[in-house]
Amino acid sequence: MHTIAYFEVQSSDPERDIKFYQRVLTGLFIKQEDLPIEYYRIETNGIAGGY
């Protein structure tokens, strides 16, 4: 069976959307400080992602 291995979410308002996705995904958003763009790693109990 195929599974989702990774996902990314794009946003024009990260602060607002992080609040929403934290409730929906019950995940932890970790800001990546070493990148030239604003980017957050998303850790959930299952699928890894980025924002």
Protein backbone atom coordinates (compact mmCIF):
# COMPACT_ATOMS: atom_id res chain seq x y z
CA MET A 1 0.00 0.00 0.00
CA HIS A 2 1.23 3.52 -0.78
CA THR A 3 1.72 5.95 2.07
CA ILE A 4 2.45 9.64 2.35
CA ALA A 5 6.12 10.10 3.22
CA TYR A 6 6.36 13.91 3.43
CA PHE A 7 4.15 16.96 2.93
CA GLU A 8 4.55 20.74 2.77
CA VAL A 9 2.08 23.53 3.43
CA GLN A 10 2.42 26.99 1.90
CA SER A 11 1.03 30.05 3.65
CA SER A 12 0.79 33.80 3.30
CA ASP A 13 0.14 34.09 7.06
CA PRO A 14 2.30 31.51 8.90
CA GLU A 15 1.41 32.72 12.41
CA ARG A 16 -2.33 32.23 11.81
CA ASP A 17 -1.95 28.94 9.96
CA ILE A 18 0.42 27.38 12.48
CA LYS A 19 -2.27 27.86 15.15
CA PHE A 20 -4.79 26.09 12.91
CA TYR A 21 -2.52 23.20 11.89
CA GLN A 22 -1.35 22.61 15.45
CA ARG A 23 -4.97 21.86 16.34
CA VAL A 24 -5.65 19.74 13.24
CA LEU A 25 -2.38 17.79 13.07
CA THR A 26 -1.56 17.86 16.78
CA GLY A 27 1.99 18.43 15.63
CA LEU A 28 4.97 20.43 16.73
CA PHE A 29 6.27 23.26 14.49
CA ILE A 30 10.02 23.83 14.78
CA LYS A 31 11.48 26.90 13.08
CA GLN A 32 14.57 26.16 10.95
CA GLU A 33 16.95 28.99 11.76
CA ASP A 34 19.68 27.95 9.29
CA LEU A 35 17.69 28.64 6.10
CA PRO A 36 17.44 31.86 4.04
CA ILE A 37 13.61 31.64 4.14
CA GLU A 38 11.08 31.34 6.96
CA TYR A 39 10.59 27.56 7.22
CA TYR A 40 9.20 25.27 9.91
CA ARG A 41 9.64 21.53 10.31
CA ILE A 42 6.44 19.76 11.27
CA GLU A 43 6.71 16.76 13.56
CA THR A 44 3.64 14.59 14.04
CA ASN A 45 3.07 11.09 15.36
CA GLY A 46 3.17 9.80 11.81
CA ILE A 47 3.96 11.85 8.71
CA ALA A 48 6.89 14.30 8.56
CA GLY A 49 6.31 17.65 6.93
CA GLY A 50 7.45 21.18 6.29
CA TYR A 51 5.81 24.60 6.36
